[in-house]
Amino acid sequence: METKTITIRVDARAARIFEAVSESQRRKLEIILSLKLSEATRSPGRLEEIMSDISQKAQERGLTPDILDSLLNES
């Protein structure tokens, strides 16, 4: 499989976790992310389904629209 390096924005906690794991675990996380990105764009509506699921889980964990706006506006 051909790979290409990209840069993505993630929350600080996710970045710390990624940076703290072993190289082997990083490769596994990169594969999972690659598969999820491919899955999300494979069929129309799939991305919306995934985003809706993520939104629901985030709300269950206490992420409010105000907190989300604050995170999205950080630079």
N, C-alpha and C. Protein backbone atom coordinates (compact mmCIF):
# COMPACT_ATOMS: atom_id res chain seq x y z
N MET A 1 0.85 -1.18 0.00
CA MET A 1 0.00 0.00 0.00
C MET A 1 0.89 1.24 0.00
N GLU A 2 0.65 2.12 -0.95
CA GLU A 2 1.38 3.38 -1.00
C GLU A 2 0.85 4.29 0.09
N THR A 3 1.75 4.98 0.77
CA THR A 3 1.33 5.91 1.82
C THR A 3 1.84 7.31 1.51
N LYS A 4 1.20 8.28 2.13
CA LYS A 4 1.58 9.68 1.98
C LYS A 4 1.38 10.35 3.32
N THR A 5 2.30 11.20 3.71
CA THR A 5 2.21 11.92 4.97
C THR A 5 1.31 13.13 4.79
N ILE A 6 0.38 13.31 5.75
CA ILE A 6 -0.50 14.47 5.78
C ILE A 6 -0.47 15.08 7.17
N THR A 7 -0.99 16.27 7.30
CA THR A 7 -1.11 16.92 8.60
C THR A 7 -2.58 17.16 8.87
N ILE A 8 -3.04 16.75 10.06
CA ILE A 8 -4.43 16.98 10.43
C ILE A 8 -4.47 17.62 11.81
N ARG A 9 -5.54 18.36 12.07
CA ARG A 9 -5.72 18.97 13.39
C ARG A 9 -6.54 18.02 14.25
N VAL A 10 -6.05 17.79 15.46
CA VAL A 10 -6.78 17.00 16.45
C VAL A 10 -6.74 17.76 17.77
N ASP A 11 -7.60 17.37 18.71
CA ASP A 11 -7.55 18.06 19.99
C ASP A 11 -6.25 17.70 20.71
N ALA A 12 -5.88 18.54 21.66
CA ALA A 12 -4.59 18.39 22.35
C ALA A 12 -4.46 17.04 23.04
N ARG A 13 -5.55 16.55 23.61
CA ARG A 13 -5.50 15.26 24.30
C ARG A 13 -5.17 14.14 23.32
N ALA A 14 -5.82 14.14 22.17
CA ALA A 14 -5.55 13.11 21.16
C ALA A 14 -4.10 13.19 20.69
N ALA A 15 -3.60 14.40 20.52
CA ALA A 15 -2.21 14.57 20.10
C ALA A 15 -1.24 14.02 21.14
N ARG A 16 -1.51 14.32 22.42
CA ARG A 16 -0.64 13.81 23.49
C ARG A 16 -0.64 12.28 23.52
N ILE A 17 -1.82 11.70 23.36
CA ILE A 17 -1.92 10.24 23.37
C ILE A 17 -1.12 9.67 22.20
N PHE A 18 -1.31 10.23 21.01
CA PHE A 18 -0.61 9.74 19.83
C PHE A 18 0.90 9.86 20.01
N GLU A 19 1.35 10.98 20.54
CA GLU A 19 2.78 11.20 20.74
C GLU A 19 3.37 10.29 21.81
N ALA A 20 2.54 9.83 22.74
CA ALA A 20 3.04 9.03 23.87
C ALA A 20 3.13 7.54 23.57
N VAL A 21 2.43 7.07 22.54
CA VAL A 21 2.43 5.63 22.28
C VAL A 21 3.67 5.22 21.50
N SER A 22 3.91 3.92 21.49
CA SER A 22 5.07 3.38 20.77
C SER A 22 4.90 3.55 19.26
N GLU A 23 5.99 3.42 18.55
CA GLU A 23 5.96 3.54 17.09
C GLU A 23 5.04 2.48 16.48
N SER A 24 5.06 1.30 17.05
CA SER A 24 4.18 0.22 16.57
C SER A 24 2.71 0.60 16.74
N GLN A 25 2.37 1.15 17.90
CA GLN A 25 0.99 1.57 18.14
C GLN A 25 0.61 2.73 17.23
N ARG A 26 1.54 3.64 16.96
CA ARG A 26 1.27 4.75 16.03
C ARG A 26 0.91 4.23 14.65
N ARG A 27 1.67 3.26 14.18
CA ARG A 27 1.39 2.69 12.85
C ARG A 27 -0.01 2.09 12.81
N LYS A 28 -0.39 1.42 13.89
CA LYS A 28 -1.73 0.83 13.96
C LYS A 28 -2.80 1.92 13.94
N LEU A 29 -2.58 3.00 14.70
CA LEU A 29 -3.53 4.11 14.71
C LEU A 29 -3.62 4.77 13.34
N GLU A 30 -2.49 4.90 12.66
CA GLU A 30 -2.49 5.48 11.32
C GLU A 30 -3.29 4.62 10.35
N ILE A 31 -3.17 3.31 10.47
CA ILE A 31 -3.94 2.40 9.61
C ILE A 31 -5.42 2.55 9.89
N ILE A 32 -5.79 2.59 11.18
CA ILE A 32 -7.20 2.76 11.54
C ILE A 32 -7.75 4.06 10.98
N LEU A 33 -7.00 5.15 11.14
CA LEU A 33 -7.44 6.44 10.62
C LEU A 33 -7.58 6.41 9.10
N SER A 34 -6.63 5.80 8.43
CA SER A 34 -6.69 5.69 6.98
C SER A 34 -7.93 4.92 6.54
N LEU A 35 -8.21 3.82 7.21
CA LEU A 35 -9.40 3.02 6.89
C LEU A 35 -10.68 3.81 7.14
N LYS A 36 -10.73 4.53 8.26
CA LYS A 36 -11.92 5.32 8.58
C LYS A 36 -12.14 6.43 7.56
N LEU A 37 -11.07 7.10 7.14
CA LEU A 37 -11.20 8.15 6.13
C LEU A 37 -11.71 7.57 4.81
N SER A 38 -11.18 6.43 4.43
CA SER A 38 -11.63 5.78 3.20
C SER A 38 -13.09 5.38 3.31
N GLU A 39 -13.46 4.81 4.45
CA GLU A 39 -14.84 4.38 4.68
C GLU A 39 -15.80 5.57 4.65
N ALA A 40 -15.38 6.68 5.23
CA ALA A 40 -16.24 7.86 5.33
C ALA A 40 -16.54 8.47 3.97
N THR A 41 -15.64 8.31 3.03
CA THR A 41 -15.82 8.94 1.73
C THR A 41 -16.25 7.97 0.64
N ARG A 42 -16.42 6.72 0.99
CA ARG A 42 -16.75 5.68 0.01
C ARG A 42 -18.14 5.85 -0.59
N SER A 43 -19.12 6.18 0.23
CA SER A 43 -20.48 6.28 -0.28
C SER A 43 -21.13 7.57 0.18
N PRO A 44 -22.01 8.14 -0.66
CA PRO A 44 -22.71 9.37 -0.27
C PRO A 44 -23.51 9.12 1.00
N GLY A 45 -23.47 10.06 1.89
CA GLY A 45 -24.20 9.94 3.14
C GLY A 45 -23.42 9.26 4.25
N ARG A 46 -22.40 8.50 3.90
CA ARG A 46 -21.63 7.78 4.92
C ARG A 46 -20.91 8.75 5.84
N LEU A 47 -20.32 9.79 5.29
CA LEU A 47 -19.62 10.78 6.12
C LEU A 47 -20.59 11.41 7.11
N GLU A 48 -21.78 11.73 6.64
CA GLU A 48 -22.78 12.32 7.53
C GLU A 48 -23.17 11.37 8.65
N GLU A 49 -23.29 10.07 8.32
CA GLU A 49 -23.59 9.06 9.35
C GLU A 49 -22.50 9.02 10.41
N ILE A 50 -21.26 8.99 9.96
CA ILE A 50 -20.13 8.92 10.88
C ILE A 50 -20.07 10.17 11.74
N MET A 51 -20.26 11.34 11.11
CA MET A 51 -20.22 12.59 11.87
C MET A 51 -21.36 12.66 12.88
N SER A 52 -22.53 12.17 12.51
CA SER A 52 -23.66 12.14 13.42
C SER A 52 -23.37 11.24 14.62
N ASP A 53 -22.78 10.08 14.35
CA ASP A 53 -22.43 9.15 15.42
C ASP A 53 -21.39 9.77 16.36
N ILE A 54 -20.39 10.42 15.79
CA ILE A 54 -19.36 11.08 16.60
C ILE A 54 -19.98 12.19 17.43
N SER A 55 -20.88 12.96 16.83
CA SER A 55 -21.55 14.05 17.54
C SER A 55 -22.35 13.52 18.72
N GLN A 56 -23.08 12.45 18.50
CA GLN A 56 -23.88 11.87 19.58
C GLN A 56 -22.99 11.39 20.73
N LYS A 57 -21.90 10.72 20.40
CA LYS A 57 -20.99 10.23 21.44
C LYS A 57 -20.34 11.39 22.18
N ALA A 58 -19.98 12.45 21.45
CA ALA A 58 -19.37 13.62 22.08
C ALA A 58 -20.34 14.29 23.04
N GLN A 59 -21.60 14.41 22.64
CA GLN A 59 -22.61 15.01 23.52
C GLN A 59 -22.82 14.16 24.76
N GLU A 60 -22.81 12.84 24.60
CA GLU A 60 -22.94 11.94 25.75
C GLU A 60 -21.79 12.11 26.73
N ARG A 61 -20.63 12.54 26.22
CA ARG A 61 -19.45 12.73 27.06
C ARG A 61 -19.31 14.17 27.54
N GLY A 62 -20.32 15.01 27.25
CA GLY A 62 -20.34 16.36 27.79
C GLY A 62 -19.89 17.47 26.86
N LEU A 63 -19.64 17.17 25.60
CA LEU A 63 -19.24 18.22 24.66
C LEU A 63 -20.48 18.99 24.22
N THR A 64 -20.53 20.25 24.59
CA THR A 64 -21.67 21.10 24.23
C THR A 64 -21.36 21.85 22.94
N PRO A 65 -22.38 22.40 22.26
CA PRO A 65 -22.12 23.20 21.06
C PRO A 65 -21.19 24.38 21.34
N ASP A 66 -21.30 25.00 22.53
CA ASP A 66 -20.42 26.13 22.87
C ASP A 66 -18.97 25.68 22.98
N ILE A 67 -18.75 24.54 23.62
CA ILE A 67 -17.38 24.02 23.75
C ILE A 67 -16.84 23.68 22.37
N LEU A 68 -17.66 23.06 21.54
CA LEU A 68 -17.23 22.71 20.18
C LEU A 68 -16.86 23.96 19.39
N ASP A 69 -17.69 25.00 19.45
CA ASP A 69 -17.38 26.26 18.77
C ASP A 69 -16.05 26.82 19.25
N SER A 70 -15.83 26.77 20.55
CA SER A 70 -14.58 27.26 21.12
C SER A 70 -13.39 26.48 20.58
N LEU A 71 -13.52 25.15 20.52
CA LEU A 71 -12.44 24.31 20.00
C LEU A 71 -12.18 24.58 18.52
N LEU A 72 -13.25 24.75 17.76
CA LEU A 72 -13.10 24.97 16.32
C LEU A 72 -12.51 26.33 16.00
N ASN A 73 -12.69 27.30 16.90
CA ASN A 73 -12.18 28.65 16.65
C ASN A 73 -10.77 28.86 17.19
N GLU A 74 -10.19 27.85 17.85
CA GLU A 74 -8.81 27.96 18.33
C GLU A 74 -7.87 27.90 17.14
N SER A 75 -6.83 28.69 17.19
CA SER A 75 -5.84 28.63 16.10
C SER A 75 -4.46 28.59 16.66
